Amino acid sequence: MHNLKMPDEFTNLKGLHSMMFILYSRISNQRDLKNSEFSELCTYYDEIILPCSTIYKENNILKRQIFFKTPIIKWLWYFIFIKTDPNALLTHLRRVRSFPYEGEERFRTLILDMRYCEIQCDIILLPEIA
């Protein structure tokens, strides 16, 4: 976390637990966590559980808003997809658009949804070059 030059507010135990939930999105059931080697993650579970793996699989704007309003997500998204490597996001958007079945429609819906989340969550999701 220090190599990323993360703000101090994210370099504590809660920030580390948040990063683990983000990186290991299958860690999502508190009951299973209590009986695993990751049981210490239960400490902040109710405060930091993020619907990382489902925010775009399900058509649920509320999940996306919770996700994108989370301070660590705002910082990471900006650092990775806006500041460091906007082409990673652009490549993904091109892949969505070129999908053989309804690619253009999926692309338009995704862009509209991302623009809506930008306004609702006070976050920049799309780089200027998008």
Foldseek 3Di string as FASTA:
>chain_A
DVVLVDPPVLPDPLNVLLVCCQVPVVPQDLVVLCVDPNVVSNVCNVPRNANNPCPPVDPDLVSVLVRLLDVVSLVVQCSPCAPPPVVVVVVVLVVQLPPPPCSVVSSVVVVVSQVVSCVSRVHDNHYPVD
